[in-house]
N, C-alpha and C. Protein backbone atom coordinates (compact mmCIF):
# COMPACT_ATOMS: atom_id res chain seq x y z
N MET A 1 -91.68 -41.35 -74.98
CA MET A 1 -90.82 -41.80 -73.73
C MET A 1 -91.16 -43.48 -73.91
N ARG A 2 -90.22 -44.21 -73.58
CA ARG A 2 -90.45 -45.65 -73.40
C ARG A 2 -91.37 -45.92 -72.11
N ILE A 3 -91.68 -47.28 -72.16
CA ILE A 3 -92.54 -47.91 -71.12
C ILE A 3 -91.78 -47.60 -69.79
N GLY A 4 -90.81 -47.92 -69.55
CA GLY A 4 -90.15 -47.82 -68.53
C GLY A 4 -90.30 -46.33 -67.67
N GLU A 5 -89.92 -45.38 -68.61
CA GLU A 5 -90.01 -43.86 -68.07
C GLU A 5 -91.38 -43.58 -67.80
N LEU A 6 -92.30 -44.02 -68.70
CA LEU A 6 -93.78 -43.74 -68.31
C LEU A 6 -94.17 -44.58 -67.10
N ALA A 7 -93.76 -45.55 -66.74
CA ALA A 7 -94.05 -46.15 -65.64
C ALA A 7 -93.81 -45.45 -64.30
N GLU A 8 -92.51 -45.03 -64.39
CA GLU A 8 -91.81 -44.35 -63.31
C GLU A 8 -92.32 -42.97 -63.31
N ARG A 9 -93.04 -42.27 -64.26
CA ARG A 9 -93.63 -41.06 -64.29
C ARG A 9 -95.22 -40.94 -63.68
N SER A 10 -95.71 -42.13 -64.28
CA SER A 10 -97.20 -42.14 -63.97
C SER A 10 -97.30 -43.07 -62.70
N GLY A 11 -96.39 -43.74 -62.11
CA GLY A 11 -96.31 -44.54 -60.79
C GLY A 11 -97.18 -45.67 -61.28
N LEU A 12 -97.33 -46.12 -62.27
CA LEU A 12 -98.00 -47.35 -62.73
C LEU A 12 -96.76 -48.52 -63.28
N SER A 13 -97.27 -49.80 -63.03
CA SER A 13 -96.35 -50.70 -63.66
C SER A 13 -96.34 -50.86 -65.07
N ARG A 14 -95.19 -51.42 -65.80
CA ARG A 14 -95.42 -51.67 -66.96
C ARG A 14 -96.46 -52.68 -67.21
N ASP A 15 -96.86 -53.48 -66.54
CA ASP A 15 -97.85 -54.47 -66.77
C ASP A 15 -99.23 -53.68 -66.85
N ALA A 16 -99.54 -52.66 -66.01
CA ALA A 16 -100.49 -51.87 -65.85
C ALA A 16 -100.71 -51.01 -67.26
N ILE A 17 -99.67 -50.69 -67.51
CA ILE A 17 -99.54 -49.81 -68.68
C ILE A 17 -99.79 -50.47 -70.13
N ARG A 18 -99.39 -51.74 -70.19
CA ARG A 18 -99.67 -52.54 -71.32
C ARG A 18 -101.25 -53.18 -71.19
N PHE A 19 -101.67 -53.23 -70.02
CA PHE A 19 -103.16 -53.62 -69.99
C PHE A 19 -103.92 -52.47 -70.47
N TYR A 20 -103.70 -51.40 -70.13
CA TYR A 20 -104.34 -50.15 -70.61
C TYR A 20 -104.16 -50.06 -72.12
N GLU A 21 -103.22 -50.21 -72.81
CA GLU A 21 -103.00 -50.24 -73.94
C GLU A 21 -103.77 -51.31 -74.89
N THR A 22 -103.91 -52.44 -74.15
CA THR A 22 -104.59 -53.46 -74.79
C THR A 22 -106.05 -53.12 -74.80
N ARG A 23 -106.71 -52.35 -73.99
CA ARG A 23 -107.82 -51.83 -73.67
C ARG A 23 -108.42 -50.89 -74.55
N GLY A 24 -107.44 -50.12 -75.19
CA GLY A 24 -107.55 -49.26 -75.88
C GLY A 24 -107.59 -47.73 -75.44
N LEU A 25 -107.11 -47.78 -74.34
CA LEU A 25 -106.90 -46.45 -73.33
C LEU A 25 -105.44 -45.89 -73.70
N LEU A 26 -104.76 -46.26 -74.26
CA LEU A 26 -103.49 -45.66 -74.35
C LEU A 26 -102.86 -46.14 -75.72
N GLU A 27 -102.32 -45.24 -76.46
CA GLU A 27 -101.58 -45.75 -77.82
C GLU A 27 -99.97 -45.47 -77.67
N SER A 28 -99.31 -46.41 -78.38
CA SER A 28 -97.94 -46.40 -78.42
C SER A 28 -97.52 -46.60 -79.79
N HIS A 29 -96.32 -46.32 -80.54
CA HIS A 29 -95.88 -46.40 -81.56
C HIS A 29 -94.53 -47.14 -81.21
N ARG A 30 -94.45 -48.24 -82.49
CA ARG A 30 -93.06 -48.87 -82.19
C ARG A 30 -92.00 -48.10 -82.92
N SER A 31 -90.78 -48.05 -81.99
CA SER A 31 -89.65 -47.57 -82.59
C SER A 31 -88.80 -48.57 -83.46
N PRO A 32 -87.87 -47.90 -84.55
CA PRO A 32 -87.33 -49.04 -85.46
C PRO A 32 -86.83 -50.14 -84.58
N ASN A 33 -86.23 -50.20 -83.35
CA ASN A 33 -85.81 -51.12 -82.60
C ASN A 33 -86.89 -51.93 -81.75
N GLY A 34 -88.16 -51.64 -82.12
CA GLY A 34 -89.30 -52.38 -81.54
C GLY A 34 -89.72 -51.93 -80.14
N TYR A 35 -89.05 -50.82 -79.63
CA TYR A 35 -89.66 -50.37 -78.20
C TYR A 35 -90.83 -49.48 -78.57
N ARG A 36 -91.69 -49.70 -77.23
CA ARG A 36 -92.92 -48.90 -77.20
C ARG A 36 -92.55 -47.55 -77.18
N GLU A 37 -93.08 -46.48 -77.68
CA GLU A 37 -92.99 -45.16 -77.54
C GLU A 37 -94.14 -44.68 -77.31
N PHE A 38 -94.24 -43.92 -76.13
CA PHE A 38 -95.45 -43.08 -75.63
C PHE A 38 -95.32 -41.67 -75.92
N ALA A 39 -96.45 -40.95 -76.22
CA ALA A 39 -96.35 -39.68 -76.29
C ALA A 39 -96.24 -39.01 -74.93
N ALA A 40 -95.75 -37.61 -74.56
CA ALA A 40 -95.42 -37.00 -73.48
C ALA A 40 -97.12 -37.03 -72.82
N ASP A 41 -98.07 -36.78 -73.63
CA ASP A 41 -99.48 -36.60 -72.93
C ASP A 41 -100.04 -37.80 -72.30
N ALA A 42 -99.16 -39.07 -72.32
CA ALA A 42 -99.92 -40.15 -71.75
C ALA A 42 -99.74 -40.13 -70.15
N VAL A 43 -98.83 -39.38 -69.59
CA VAL A 43 -98.76 -39.33 -68.15
C VAL A 43 -99.84 -38.73 -67.44
N PRO A 44 -100.44 -37.43 -67.93
CA PRO A 44 -101.50 -36.72 -67.47
C PRO A 44 -102.66 -37.64 -67.74
N TRP A 45 -102.87 -38.32 -69.10
CA TRP A 45 -104.18 -39.20 -69.48
C TRP A 45 -103.98 -40.43 -68.53
N LEU A 46 -103.02 -40.94 -67.92
CA LEU A 46 -103.07 -42.13 -67.36
C LEU A 46 -103.57 -41.55 -65.80
N ALA A 47 -103.09 -40.64 -65.51
CA ALA A 47 -103.67 -40.09 -64.12
C ALA A 47 -105.18 -39.57 -64.05
N TYR A 48 -105.77 -39.11 -65.25
CA TYR A 48 -106.93 -38.93 -65.66
C TYR A 48 -107.82 -40.35 -65.44
N VAL A 49 -107.20 -41.39 -66.16
CA VAL A 49 -107.91 -42.70 -66.09
C VAL A 49 -108.02 -43.35 -64.72
N ARG A 50 -106.99 -43.22 -63.95
CA ARG A 50 -107.04 -43.51 -62.64
C ARG A 50 -108.10 -42.96 -61.95
N THR A 51 -108.19 -41.33 -61.85
CA THR A 51 -109.01 -40.72 -61.27
C THR A 51 -110.58 -41.12 -61.66
N ALA A 52 -110.82 -41.29 -62.89
CA ALA A 52 -112.11 -41.93 -63.38
C ALA A 52 -112.47 -43.31 -62.69
N GLN A 53 -111.21 -43.99 -62.62
CA GLN A 53 -111.60 -45.34 -62.24
C GLN A 53 -112.02 -45.30 -60.72
N ARG A 54 -111.35 -44.61 -60.02
CA ARG A 54 -111.52 -44.08 -58.50
C ARG A 54 -113.02 -43.77 -58.26
N LEU A 55 -113.44 -42.94 -59.30
CA LEU A 55 -114.71 -42.49 -59.23
C LEU A 55 -115.89 -43.31 -59.62
N GLY A 56 -115.34 -44.37 -60.02
CA GLY A 56 -116.34 -45.50 -60.29
C GLY A 56 -116.50 -45.96 -61.78
N PHE A 57 -116.03 -45.30 -62.77
CA PHE A 57 -116.23 -45.55 -64.09
C PHE A 57 -115.36 -46.72 -64.42
N THR A 58 -116.01 -47.51 -65.24
CA THR A 58 -115.37 -48.78 -65.89
C THR A 58 -114.40 -48.37 -66.92
N LEU A 59 -113.33 -49.27 -66.97
CA LEU A 59 -112.56 -48.91 -68.25
C LEU A 59 -113.17 -48.90 -69.44
N ALA A 60 -114.26 -49.75 -69.61
CA ALA A 60 -115.09 -49.63 -70.90
C ALA A 60 -115.79 -48.34 -71.08
N ALA A 61 -116.22 -47.68 -69.88
CA ALA A 61 -116.73 -46.47 -70.16
C ALA A 61 -115.77 -45.16 -70.34
N ILE A 62 -114.56 -45.45 -69.73
CA ILE A 62 -113.73 -44.57 -70.16
C ILE A 62 -113.20 -44.66 -71.49
N ALA A 63 -113.02 -45.83 -72.09
CA ALA A 63 -112.91 -46.15 -73.26
C ALA A 63 -113.59 -45.33 -74.34
N ALA A 64 -114.81 -45.69 -73.92
CA ALA A 64 -115.99 -45.28 -74.96
C ALA A 64 -115.92 -43.64 -75.23
N HIS A 65 -115.86 -43.13 -73.88
CA HIS A 65 -115.58 -41.74 -73.95
C HIS A 65 -114.39 -41.19 -74.03
N GLY A 66 -113.27 -41.70 -74.30
CA GLY A 66 -111.98 -41.59 -74.15
C GLY A 66 -111.56 -40.32 -75.22
N ALA A 67 -112.06 -40.50 -76.34
CA ALA A 67 -111.55 -39.62 -77.50
C ALA A 67 -112.23 -38.25 -77.39
N GLU A 68 -113.40 -38.15 -76.80
CA GLU A 68 -114.10 -36.76 -76.62
C GLU A 68 -113.41 -36.20 -75.37
N LEU A 69 -112.89 -37.03 -74.32
CA LEU A 69 -112.39 -36.46 -73.20
C LEU A 69 -111.01 -36.27 -73.27
N ARG A 70 -110.29 -37.08 -73.96
CA ARG A 70 -108.97 -36.72 -74.34
C ARG A 70 -108.63 -35.39 -75.06
N GLU A 71 -109.61 -34.94 -75.86
CA GLU A 71 -109.24 -33.68 -76.70
C GLU A 71 -109.52 -32.40 -75.48
N ALA A 72 -110.47 -32.93 -75.01
CA ALA A 72 -110.90 -31.55 -73.87
C ALA A 72 -111.06 -32.44 -72.48
N PRO A 73 -110.08 -32.91 -71.82
CA PRO A 73 -110.05 -33.57 -70.57
C PRO A 73 -110.83 -32.48 -69.30
N ASP A 74 -110.69 -31.36 -69.41
CA ASP A 74 -111.36 -30.57 -68.35
C ASP A 74 -112.47 -30.07 -68.87
N SER A 75 -113.26 -30.44 -69.97
CA SER A 75 -114.36 -29.82 -70.78
C SER A 75 -115.58 -30.11 -69.54
N ALA A 76 -116.05 -28.96 -68.84
CA ALA A 76 -117.23 -28.84 -67.99
C ALA A 76 -118.29 -29.57 -68.47
N ALA A 77 -118.75 -29.21 -69.65
CA ALA A 77 -120.16 -29.81 -70.06
C ALA A 77 -119.90 -31.47 -70.25
N ALA A 78 -118.94 -31.93 -70.85
CA ALA A 78 -118.61 -33.06 -71.17
C ALA A 78 -118.82 -34.24 -69.87
N LEU A 79 -117.85 -33.65 -68.93
CA LEU A 79 -117.63 -34.17 -67.55
C LEU A 79 -119.04 -34.24 -66.74
N SER A 80 -119.68 -33.07 -66.89
CA SER A 80 -120.91 -32.74 -66.22
C SER A 80 -121.95 -33.90 -66.47
N ALA A 81 -122.07 -33.96 -67.67
CA ALA A 81 -123.00 -34.97 -68.39
C ALA A 81 -122.68 -36.36 -67.62
N LEU A 82 -121.14 -36.79 -67.96
CA LEU A 82 -121.06 -37.94 -67.57
C LEU A 82 -121.11 -38.21 -66.06
N PHE A 83 -120.67 -37.18 -65.04
CA PHE A 83 -120.98 -37.41 -63.74
C PHE A 83 -122.69 -37.53 -63.63
N ALA A 84 -123.40 -36.71 -64.14
CA ALA A 84 -124.58 -36.79 -63.84
C ALA A 84 -125.38 -38.38 -64.13
N GLU A 85 -124.80 -38.74 -65.36
CA GLU A 85 -125.18 -40.35 -65.51
C GLU A 85 -124.81 -41.32 -64.56
N LYS A 86 -123.42 -41.05 -63.90
CA LYS A 86 -122.75 -42.01 -62.90
C LYS A 86 -123.68 -41.58 -61.65
N ILE A 87 -124.12 -40.33 -61.28
CA ILE A 87 -124.88 -40.24 -60.02
C ILE A 87 -126.16 -40.86 -59.93
N ALA A 88 -126.86 -40.92 -61.03
CA ALA A 88 -128.10 -41.56 -61.50
C ALA A 88 -127.88 -43.03 -61.11
N VAL A 89 -126.65 -43.83 -61.75
CA VAL A 89 -126.33 -45.20 -61.12
C VAL A 89 -126.00 -45.27 -60.05
N VAL A 90 -125.39 -44.51 -59.35
CA VAL A 90 -125.14 -44.55 -57.80
C VAL A 90 -126.31 -44.47 -56.93
N ASP A 91 -127.32 -43.64 -57.21
CA ASP A 91 -128.52 -43.44 -56.61
C ASP A 91 -129.54 -44.74 -56.72
N ALA A 92 -129.56 -45.27 -57.96
CA ALA A 92 -130.20 -46.67 -58.10
C ALA A 92 -129.67 -47.61 -57.17
N LYS A 93 -128.31 -47.86 -57.18
CA LYS A 93 -127.59 -48.53 -56.41
C LYS A 93 -127.92 -48.43 -55.05
N MET A 94 -127.77 -47.21 -54.67
CA MET A 94 -128.23 -47.01 -53.18
C MET A 94 -129.67 -47.30 -52.87
N SER A 95 -130.51 -47.19 -53.52
CA SER A 95 -131.87 -47.57 -53.46
C SER A 95 -131.93 -49.10 -53.39
N GLU A 96 -131.38 -49.91 -54.27
CA GLU A 96 -131.51 -51.49 -54.20
C GLU A 96 -130.78 -51.69 -52.84
N LEU A 97 -129.75 -51.29 -52.42
CA LEU A 97 -129.00 -51.75 -51.21
C LEU A 97 -129.76 -51.29 -49.96
N ALA A 98 -130.67 -50.31 -49.93
CA ALA A 98 -131.52 -49.80 -48.87
C ALA A 98 -132.59 -51.04 -48.81
N VAL A 99 -133.14 -51.54 -49.87
CA VAL A 99 -134.13 -52.52 -49.82
C VAL A 99 -133.28 -53.95 -49.21
N LEU A 100 -132.25 -54.03 -49.88
CA LEU A 100 -131.53 -55.28 -49.44
C LEU A 100 -131.29 -55.44 -47.92
N ARG A 101 -130.87 -54.12 -47.52
CA ARG A 101 -130.51 -53.87 -45.96
C ARG A 101 -131.79 -53.90 -45.19
N GLU A 102 -132.98 -53.61 -45.54
CA GLU A 102 -134.13 -53.65 -44.71
C GLU A 102 -134.80 -55.17 -44.69
N GLU A 103 -134.54 -55.99 -45.57
CA GLU A 103 -134.93 -57.21 -45.91
C GLU A 103 -133.98 -58.16 -44.90
N LEU A 104 -132.69 -57.85 -44.81
CA LEU A 104 -132.02 -58.53 -43.86
C LEU A 104 -132.03 -57.92 -42.53
N ALA A 105 -132.24 -57.06 -42.14
CA ALA A 105 -132.50 -56.47 -40.76
C ALA A 105 -133.85 -57.13 -40.47
N GLU A 106 -134.91 -57.14 -41.35
CA GLU A 106 -136.19 -57.95 -40.94
C GLU A 106 -135.69 -59.50 -40.52
N ARG A 107 -135.03 -60.00 -41.35
CA ARG A 107 -134.81 -61.64 -41.28
C ARG A 107 -133.71 -61.94 -40.01
N ALA A 108 -132.88 -60.83 -39.80
CA ALA A 108 -131.94 -61.01 -38.75
C ALA A 108 -132.68 -61.17 -37.24
N VAL A 109 -133.77 -60.73 -37.24
CA VAL A 109 -134.45 -60.83 -35.68
C VAL A 109 -135.53 -61.97 -35.96
N THR A 110 -135.62 -62.91 -36.73
CA THR A 110 -136.31 -64.02 -36.81
C THR A 110 -135.70 -65.25 -36.28
N GLY A 111 -136.44 -66.25 -35.92
CA GLY A 111 -135.82 -67.66 -35.51
C GLY A 111 -135.18 -68.36 -36.54
N CYS A 112 -135.81 -67.87 -37.93
CA CYS A 112 -135.31 -68.59 -39.11
C CYS A 112 -135.10 -67.79 -40.13
N PRO A 113 -133.87 -67.07 -40.31
CA PRO A 113 -133.64 -66.09 -41.29
C PRO A 113 -133.57 -66.46 -42.56
N LEU A 114 -133.50 -67.84 -42.98
CA LEU A 114 -133.56 -67.83 -44.51
C LEU A 114 -135.09 -68.87 -44.81
N ARG A 115 -135.86 -68.60 -43.97
CA ARG A 115 -137.40 -68.97 -44.17
C ARG A 115 -137.67 -68.48 -45.68
N PRO A 116 -138.72 -69.10 -46.31
CA PRO A 116 -139.12 -69.06 -47.67
C PRO A 116 -140.16 -67.61 -47.38
N GLU A 117 -140.10 -66.96 -48.70
CA GLU A 117 -140.86 -65.99 -48.73
C GLU A 117 -142.48 -66.21 -48.50
N GLN A 118 -143.34 -65.39 -47.84
CA GLN A 118 -144.56 -65.66 -47.66
C GLN A 118 -145.26 -65.16 -48.87
N GLN A 119 -146.09 -66.02 -49.27
CA GLN A 119 -146.73 -65.84 -50.73
C GLN A 119 -148.10 -65.34 -50.16
């Protein structure tokens, strides 16, 4: 299918599709007249990419694991491993944010919230 049809079916703009293609997340083949031609499985794959992005995965991470996931996009083992890694990252970030929140709360009740750290 051509890029216009893919855009319509996926709900993405042509620019977004081209962007994903330049990032190596999507492949097309040029027809003799120069049009991009995409495989039918591009529609569910783009939905998968968008879901992965909403779950906090970067495009680089999606591209790095794309080949294995594209062959078995519903593979519980592969997805579980990726999700476990992502959970660890989220947990670490939450810990960092909790420490930051505590420091902000302590400074919010002082007369000089930006005072230097006590040595």
